[in-house]
Amino acid sequence: MARAGLTPDIVEEAAAAIADRDGYDAVSVSAVARSLGVQPASLYGHVSGKAALLGRLHRRALDELGALVADATVGASCRDALSGYFDAHRTFAASRPGLWEALQRSADPETVASASADRVSRLTLAVLRGYGLSGAAAVHAARLVGATISGFISLEAAGSIRHREPQTIDSWEAAIDALDRALRTWP
């Protein structure tokens, strides 16, 4: 049953596929081993356990989201950058639901200190600098933006906001407009 050629990246890719297909909570060393056709013990040379595997997923999610945010916000400022930032998150959540769910969980210390987390943080703060925000004001604003994005995406994924007009995309744009106005007048 052992399969040659396992690497940490292959193990991580298998875990990400399980998360996206079956949900983040379905990820385990046993589930990944089954998907790769190996015994669970075969994975311990590549990941030290479930916590390490989930940490790798969290960092992978940050890497992928960071790439989308960078592409969506480069050269833009204020409303355009904010819209790109929002849309990158929504695209990521729709295309990588398990990895999106990883981002909704607490990060381990290694992830918090990672280059992946730093990149997403810097990109977020760059969007807010367009509004003249820095320091504690930028942190507060980033939390509001993040909560708005996460809340909207969670409601949308649950299907709880699609039952009436206007369309959810109209509400999405209205939320961006409202935050744009709030950020322009941030105390």
Protein backbone atom coordinates (compact mmCIF):
# COMPACT_ATOMS: atom_id res chain seq x y z
CA MET A 1 0.00 0.00 0.00
CA ALA A 2 2.97 2.38 0.45
CA ARG A 3 3.52 4.81 -2.37
CA ALA A 4 6.87 6.26 -3.27
CA GLY A 5 7.28 9.92 -4.05
CA LEU A 6 5.36 11.48 -1.19
CA THR A 7 6.46 15.00 -0.31
CA PRO A 8 5.08 17.57 2.11
CA ASP A 9 3.61 19.45 -0.88
CA ILE A 10 1.79 16.34 -2.16
CA VAL A 11 0.41 15.70 1.32
CA GLU A 12 -0.69 19.36 1.56
CA GLU A 13 -2.35 19.25 -1.87
CA ALA A 14 -4.28 16.13 -0.89
CA ALA A 15 -5.40 17.78 2.35
CA ALA A 16 -6.50 20.91 0.47
CA ALA A 17 -8.51 18.79 -1.97
CA ILE A 18 -10.27 17.06 0.93
CA ALA A 19 -10.99 20.39 2.61
CA ASP A 20 -12.45 21.88 -0.57
CA ARG A 21 -14.49 18.78 -1.39
CA ASP A 22 -15.64 17.58 2.05
CA GLY A 23 -15.05 20.55 4.34
CA TYR A 24 -12.21 21.67 6.55
CA ASP A 25 -13.29 19.46 9.45
CA ALA A 26 -12.95 16.37 7.24
CA VAL A 27 -9.18 16.86 7.02
CA SER A 28 -7.23 14.34 9.07
CA VAL A 29 -4.01 12.42 8.67
CA SER A 30 -6.09 9.26 8.09
CA ALA A 31 -8.26 10.91 5.42
CA VAL A 32 -5.21 12.23 3.60
CA ALA A 33 -3.49 8.86 3.79
CA ARG A 34 -6.58 7.15 2.34
CA SER A 35 -6.73 9.66 -0.51
CA LEU A 36 -3.07 8.99 -1.30
CA GLY A 37 -3.36 5.22 -0.96
CA VAL A 38 -0.89 4.92 1.91
CA GLN A 39 -0.97 4.05 5.58
CA PRO A 40 -1.27 7.03 7.98
CA ALA A 41 2.17 6.23 9.39
CA SER A 42 3.62 6.96 5.94
CA LEU A 43 2.65 10.62 6.28
CA TYR A 44 4.45 11.27 9.54
CA GLY A 45 7.73 11.69 7.71
CA HIS A 46 6.14 14.65 5.93
CA VAL A 47 3.87 16.19 8.59
CA SER A 48 4.09 15.74 12.34
CA GLY A 49 0.35 15.36 12.83
CA LYS A 50 -3.05 16.91 12.25
CA ALA A 51 -2.17 20.28 13.79
CA ALA A 52 0.85 20.63 11.49
CA LEU A 53 -1.25 19.59 8.50
CA LEU A 54 -3.91 22.19 9.31
CA GLY A 55 -1.22 24.82 9.80
CA ARG A 56 0.11 24.06 6.33
CA LEU A 57 -3.43 24.43 4.94
CA HIS A 58 -3.82 27.79 6.66
CA ARG A 59 -0.56 29.05 5.17
CA ARG A 60 -1.51 27.68 1.74
CA ALA A 61 -4.82 29.54 1.99
CA LEU A 62 -2.99 32.75 2.86
CA ASP A 63 -0.61 32.25 -0.08
CA GLU A 64 -3.44 31.74 -2.55
CA LEU A 65 -5.54 34.58 -1.16
CA GLY A 66 -2.51 36.87 -1.13
CA ALA A 67 -1.88 36.22 -4.81
CA LEU A 68 -5.51 37.02 -5.66
CA VAL A 69 -5.51 40.18 -3.54
CA ALA A 70 -2.23 41.39 -5.06
CA ASP A 71 -3.53 40.87 -8.59
CA ALA A 72 -6.85 42.56 -7.79
CA THR A 73 -5.45 45.63 -6.05
CA VAL A 74 -2.18 46.44 -7.82
CA GLY A 75 -2.23 50.01 -9.11
CA ALA A 76 -5.65 50.72 -7.59
CA SER A 77 -6.61 52.94 -4.68
CA CYS A 78 -9.61 53.75 -2.51
CA ARG A 79 -12.89 52.35 -3.90
CA ASP A 80 -11.21 50.46 -6.74
CA ALA A 81 -8.67 48.82 -4.42
CA LEU A 82 -11.36 48.05 -1.84
CA SER A 83 -13.55 46.48 -4.52
CA GLY A 84 -10.64 44.38 -5.78
CA TYR A 85 -9.85 43.33 -2.23
CA PHE A 86 -13.46 42.29 -1.60
CA ASP A 87 -13.76 40.48 -4.92
CA ALA A 88 -10.51 38.57 -4.37
CA HIS A 89 -11.88 37.24 -1.09
CA ARG A 90 -15.22 36.30 -2.64
CA THR A 91 -13.52 34.57 -5.57
CA PHE A 92 -11.24 32.67 -3.22
CA ALA A 93 -14.12 31.58 -0.97
CA ALA A 94 -16.13 30.32 -3.95
CA SER A 95 -13.25 28.47 -5.59
CA ARG A 96 -11.54 27.13 -2.46
CA PRO A 97 -14.28 26.66 0.18
CA GLY A 98 -12.21 24.41 2.43
CA LEU A 99 -9.22 26.71 2.36
CA TRP A 100 -11.53 29.69 2.95
CA GLU A 101 -12.80 27.87 6.02
CA ALA A 102 -9.20 27.46 7.20
CA LEU A 103 -8.92 31.25 7.20
CA GLN A 104 -11.92 31.47 9.50
CA ARG A 105 -10.07 29.49 12.18
CA SER A 106 -7.42 30.55 14.66
CA ALA A 107 -3.95 30.48 13.23
CA ASP A 108 -1.15 28.60 14.96
CA PRO A 109 1.95 30.58 16.01
CA GLU A 110 3.93 29.41 12.98
CA THR A 111 1.20 30.69 10.65
CA VAL A 112 0.89 34.00 12.50
CA ALA A 113 4.65 34.55 12.06
CA SER A 114 4.71 33.32 8.45
CA ALA A 115 5.59 35.28 5.34
CA SER A 116 2.17 34.30 4.00
CA ALA A 117 0.35 36.04 6.86
CA ASP A 118 2.68 39.04 6.62
CA ARG A 119 1.96 39.41 2.90
CA VAL A 120 -1.82 39.40 3.35
CA SER A 121 -1.49 41.84 6.24
CA ARG A 122 0.70 44.19 4.17
CA LEU A 123 -1.73 44.02 1.24
CA THR A 124 -4.64 44.81 3.53
CA LEU A 125 -2.84 47.77 5.06
CA ALA A 126 -1.86 49.00 1.58
CA VAL A 127 -5.54 49.15 0.60
CA LEU A 128 -6.26 51.15 3.76
CA ARG A 129 -3.32 53.52 3.25
CA GLY A 130 -5.18 54.75 0.18
CA TYR A 131 -7.68 56.17 2.66
CA GLY A 132 -4.92 57.77 4.73
CA LEU A 133 -5.23 55.18 7.50
CA SER A 134 -2.29 53.85 9.48
CA GLY A 135 -1.50 52.57 12.95
CA ALA A 136 -4.41 51.67 15.22
CA ALA A 137 -6.94 53.29 12.88
CA ALA A 138 -5.86 50.94 10.08
CA VAL A 139 -6.10 47.93 12.39
CA HIS A 140 -9.65 48.87 13.42
CA ALA A 141 -10.62 49.47 9.80
CA ALA A 142 -9.04 46.17 8.70
CA ARG A 143 -11.09 44.33 11.31
CA LEU A 144 -14.29 45.97 10.09
CA VAL A 145 -13.49 45.18 6.45
CA GLY A 146 -12.60 41.59 7.34
CA ALA A 147 -15.75 41.11 9.41
CA THR A 148 -17.89 42.49 6.59
CA ILE A 149 -16.31 40.20 4.02
CA SER A 150 -16.47 37.11 6.23
CA GLY A 151 -20.02 37.80 7.33
CA PHE A 152 -21.31 38.36 3.83
CA ILE A 153 -19.55 35.31 2.44
CA SER A 154 -20.82 33.14 5.32
CA LEU A 155 -24.41 34.27 4.78
CA GLU A 156 -24.09 33.78 1.04
CA ALA A 157 -22.58 30.29 1.42
CA ALA A 158 -25.39 29.30 3.79
CA GLY A 159 -27.94 30.46 1.21
CA SER A 160 -29.60 32.73 3.74
CA ILE A 161 -29.54 35.93 1.67
CA ARG A 162 -30.54 34.75 -1.77
CA HIS A 163 -34.28 34.53 -1.23
CA ARG A 164 -35.31 37.99 -2.25
CA GLU A 165 -34.54 40.93 -4.47
CA PRO A 166 -32.27 42.75 -4.95
CA GLN A 167 -29.63 40.28 -6.07
CA THR A 168 -26.81 39.47 -3.67
CA ILE A 169 -24.27 41.08 -6.00
CA ASP A 170 -26.15 44.35 -5.54
CA SER A 171 -25.87 43.98 -1.76
CA TRP A 172 -22.17 43.14 -2.15
CA GLU A 173 -21.59 46.35 -4.09
CA ALA A 174 -23.67 48.32 -1.58
CA ALA A 175 -21.47 46.99 1.24
CA ILE A 176 -18.33 48.08 -0.63
CA ASP A 177 -19.85 51.52 -1.22
CA ALA A 178 -20.78 51.86 2.46
CA LEU A 179 -17.32 50.86 3.61
CA ASP A 180 -15.73 53.20 1.07
CA ARG A 181 -17.73 56.08 2.56
CA ALA A 182 -16.89 54.99 6.10
CA LEU A 183 -13.18 54.70 5.35
CA ARG A 184 -13.09 58.13 3.68
CA THR A 185 -14.40 59.69 6.90
CA TRP A 186 -12.70 57.36 9.41
CA PRO A 187 -11.99 59.14 12.68
